[in-house]
Amino acid sequence: MRNSLLFILIVGAAALLATGCGSVEIGIHNFDAGVQALSDGDLHRAATAFEEALAENPENVAMRSELGKALVASGRTADAIASLNETIELAPDHWKIYSALGIAYHLFDDPGKAQESYRKALELSPRNKSVINNLALSVALSGRIDEGIAMLERTSSQPGATPHIRQNLALMYAMKGDVEHARYL
């Protein structure tokens, strides 16, 4: 489960740039090096590159977001939470930052704050299947399996639902002990 959440986090690394979260003109070399390091799986080098890029441009939201993601992926969860919270102060209206913060809190073993972060992401991006998926997983892992199942049942039947969502729904049914339903999915 932890690897799945990390994969979700890392795969979305470049996507934040498309949302207009800030210019990367200053520190572009280090930023590009960080993105490359993420794709190479060199998480320490990625975090270092993003930290260097931010030294040149501390207000850049895209760079801050990527730093937070790299910190989470490299196991520096407390640092990631601090970095992502600072990023939220600069850009309180970007759902992807709240989603990344939710993952960080989940890995820091604080499901209440993780779910709070996911819910804030959903306020900013209603019906976002990725965030609903993460929230449902967090809820189910907190022992509220039926609530998580209900979230993913609604989401999995909507157009654009990914196989990943159905896979997680099957996982929840298996967690509940309903192996037949899990196999059906």
Protein backbone atom coordinates (compact mmCIF):
# COMPACT_ATOMS: atom_id res chain seq x y z
CA MET A 1 0.00 0.00 0.00
CA ARG A 2 2.81 2.40 0.90
CA ASN A 3 4.53 1.82 -2.45
CA SER A 4 1.26 2.50 -4.25
CA LEU A 5 0.89 5.87 -2.53
CA LEU A 6 4.50 6.76 -3.28
CA PHE A 7 3.97 5.84 -6.93
CA ILE A 8 0.94 8.13 -7.09
CA LEU A 9 3.02 10.92 -5.63
CA ILE A 10 6.03 10.51 -7.90
CA VAL A 11 4.09 9.97 -11.14
CA GLY A 12 2.38 13.33 -10.68
CA ALA A 13 5.66 15.24 -10.32
CA ALA A 14 5.51 17.08 -13.64
CA ALA A 15 1.74 17.51 -13.72
CA LEU A 16 1.71 20.35 -11.20
CA LEU A 17 3.51 22.61 -13.66
CA ALA A 18 0.52 22.54 -15.98
CA THR A 19 -1.69 24.13 -13.30
CA GLY A 20 0.09 27.47 -13.33
CA CYS A 21 1.66 27.06 -9.90
CA GLY A 22 4.56 29.35 -10.66
CA SER A 23 7.34 30.14 -13.03
CA VAL A 24 10.43 28.00 -13.10
CA GLU A 25 12.62 30.52 -14.92
CA ILE A 26 14.90 31.00 -11.93
CA GLY A 27 16.62 27.82 -10.84
CA ILE A 28 15.49 25.95 -13.95
CA HIS A 29 18.68 23.87 -14.16
CA ASN A 30 18.32 22.56 -10.62
CA PHE A 31 14.57 22.11 -11.09
CA ASP A 32 15.12 20.06 -14.25
CA ALA A 33 17.81 18.06 -12.45
CA GLY A 34 15.32 17.35 -9.66
CA VAL A 35 12.62 16.19 -12.08
CA GLN A 36 15.17 13.96 -13.84
CA ALA A 37 16.38 12.56 -10.53
CA LEU A 38 12.77 11.74 -9.56
CA SER A 39 12.22 9.90 -12.81
CA ASP A 40 15.54 8.05 -12.29
CA GLY A 41 14.44 7.07 -8.78
CA ASP A 42 17.29 9.00 -7.13
CA LEU A 43 15.19 10.57 -4.40
CA HIS A 44 18.06 12.06 -2.38
CA ARG A 45 19.48 13.80 -5.47
CA ALA A 46 15.97 15.03 -6.37
CA ALA A 47 15.41 16.57 -2.94
CA THR A 48 18.86 18.20 -3.03
CA ALA A 49 18.26 19.64 -6.51
CA PHE A 50 14.87 21.07 -5.52
CA GLU A 51 16.36 22.56 -2.33
CA GLU A 52 19.07 24.23 -4.44
CA ALA A 53 16.47 25.50 -6.92
CA LEU A 54 14.45 26.99 -4.06
CA ALA A 55 17.52 28.78 -2.71
CA GLU A 56 17.46 30.73 -5.97
CA ASN A 57 13.68 31.22 -6.04
CA PRO A 58 12.07 30.62 -2.62
CA GLU A 59 8.62 31.81 -3.69
CA ASN A 60 8.25 29.33 -6.56
CA VAL A 61 5.27 27.16 -5.74
CA ALA A 62 5.99 24.48 -8.37
CA MET A 63 9.50 23.98 -7.02
CA ARG A 64 8.24 23.89 -3.43
CA SER A 65 5.63 21.32 -4.35
CA GLU A 66 8.16 19.11 -6.08
CA LEU A 67 10.50 19.41 -3.10
CA GLY A 68 7.70 18.24 -0.82
CA LYS A 69 7.01 15.26 -3.06
CA ALA A 70 10.70 14.34 -3.23
CA LEU A 71 11.01 14.61 0.55
CA VAL A 72 8.03 12.30 1.06
CA ALA A 73 9.34 9.79 -1.46
CA SER A 74 12.80 9.81 0.16
CA GLY A 75 11.35 9.10 3.61
CA ARG A 76 11.83 12.61 5.01
CA THR A 77 8.15 12.85 5.86
CA ALA A 78 8.37 15.46 8.64
CA ASP A 79 10.42 17.73 6.36
CA ALA A 80 7.89 17.16 3.57
CA ILE A 81 4.98 18.13 5.80
CA ALA A 82 6.75 21.34 6.83
CA SER A 83 7.65 22.16 3.22
CA LEU A 84 4.17 21.44 1.86
CA ASN A 85 2.53 23.50 4.63
CA GLU A 86 4.81 26.42 3.68
CA THR A 87 3.78 25.92 0.08
CA ILE A 88 0.11 26.06 1.04
CA GLU A 89 0.73 29.45 2.65
CA LEU A 90 1.94 30.68 -0.75
CA ALA A 91 -0.71 28.90 -2.82
CA PRO A 92 -3.75 27.96 -0.74
CA ASP A 93 -5.87 27.21 -3.80
CA HIS A 94 -3.92 24.34 -5.40
CA TRP A 95 -5.50 20.95 -4.77
CA LYS A 96 -2.39 18.99 -5.76
CA ILE A 97 -0.44 20.44 -2.85
CA TYR A 98 -3.15 19.38 -0.40
CA SER A 99 -3.21 15.93 -1.99
CA ALA A 100 0.57 15.58 -1.60
CA LEU A 101 0.25 16.79 1.99
CA GLY A 102 -2.38 14.10 2.58
CA ILE A 103 0.04 11.45 1.39
CA ALA A 104 2.76 12.87 3.64
CA TYR A 105 0.46 12.81 6.67
CA HIS A 106 -0.61 9.27 5.81
CA LEU A 107 3.00 8.13 5.73
CA PHE A 108 3.66 10.06 8.96
CA ASP A 109 0.88 7.94 10.49
CA ASP A 110 -1.54 10.80 11.04
CA PRO A 111 -4.69 9.64 9.24
CA GLY A 112 -6.83 12.45 10.66
CA LYS A 113 -4.66 15.15 9.11
CA ALA A 114 -4.26 13.08 5.94
CA GLN A 115 -8.02 12.91 5.51
CA GLU A 116 -8.38 16.60 6.34
CA SER A 117 -5.86 17.40 3.59
CA TYR A 118 -7.62 15.16 1.06
CA ARG A 119 -10.97 16.75 1.92
CA LYS A 120 -9.48 20.22 1.35
CA ALA A 121 -8.13 19.01 -2.01
CA LEU A 122 -11.66 17.83 -2.87
CA GLU A 123 -13.10 21.23 -1.95
CA LEU A 124 -10.75 22.71 -4.55
CA SER A 125 -11.18 19.94 -7.11
CA PRO A 126 -14.58 18.29 -6.58
CA ARG A 127 -15.05 14.82 -8.05
CA ASN A 128 -11.28 14.42 -8.52
CA LYS A 129 -10.94 10.67 -8.80
CA SER A 130 -7.32 10.56 -7.68
CA VAL A 131 -8.06 12.46 -4.47
CA ILE A 132 -11.23 10.45 -3.81
CA ASN A 133 -9.17 7.29 -4.26
CA ASN A 134 -6.54 8.48 -1.75
CA LEU A 135 -9.16 9.63 0.74
CA ALA A 136 -11.04 6.33 0.45
CA LEU A 137 -7.82 4.37 1.04
CA SER A 138 -6.99 6.49 4.07
CA VAL A 139 -10.48 6.07 5.49
CA ALA A 140 -10.42 2.30 4.93
CA LEU A 141 -6.97 1.96 6.47
CA SER A 142 -8.31 3.87 9.49
CA GLY A 143 -10.78 1.06 10.06
CA ARG A 144 -13.78 2.58 8.31
CA ILE A 145 -13.73 0.11 5.44
CA ASP A 146 -17.42 0.43 4.55
CA GLU A 147 -17.06 4.20 4.22
CA GLY A 148 -14.04 3.77 1.93
CA ILE A 149 -15.93 1.20 -0.14
CA ALA A 150 -18.89 3.56 -0.53
CA MET A 151 -16.59 6.32 -1.81
CA LEU A 152 -14.95 4.08 -4.37
CA GLU A 153 -18.20 2.39 -5.42
CA ARG A 154 -19.54 5.79 -6.50
CA THR A 155 -16.26 6.74 -8.16
CA SER A 156 -15.62 3.43 -9.91
CA SER A 157 -18.96 3.60 -11.72
CA GLN A 158 -18.30 7.06 -13.18
CA PRO A 159 -16.87 7.67 -16.63
CA GLY A 160 -13.10 7.92 -16.54
CA ALA A 161 -12.68 5.62 -13.55
CA THR A 162 -9.31 3.95 -13.79
CA PRO A 163 -8.47 0.29 -13.25
CA HIS A 164 -6.44 1.49 -10.25
CA ILE A 165 -9.65 2.67 -8.55
CA ARG A 166 -11.34 -0.68 -9.17
CA GLN A 167 -8.21 -2.44 -7.90
CA ASN A 168 -8.33 -0.45 -4.67
CA LEU A 169 -12.04 -1.15 -4.35
CA ALA A 170 -11.29 -4.87 -4.66
CA LEU A 171 -8.58 -4.46 -2.01
CA MET A 172 -11.10 -2.89 0.36
CA TYR A 173 -13.57 -5.70 -0.19
CA ALA A 174 -10.78 -8.16 0.58
CA MET A 175 -9.91 -6.19 3.73
CA LYS A 176 -13.55 -6.50 4.74
CA GLY A 177 -13.40 -10.27 4.18
CA ASP A 178 -15.64 -10.27 1.10
CA VAL A 179 -13.22 -12.16 -1.14
CA GLU A 180 -15.91 -13.11 -3.67
CA HIS A 181 -16.81 -9.48 -4.32
CA ALA A 182 -13.10 -8.61 -4.47
CA ARG A 183 -12.53 -11.28 -7.13
CA TYR A 184 -15.51 -10.07 -9.14
CA LEU A 185 -13.96 -6.65 -9.50
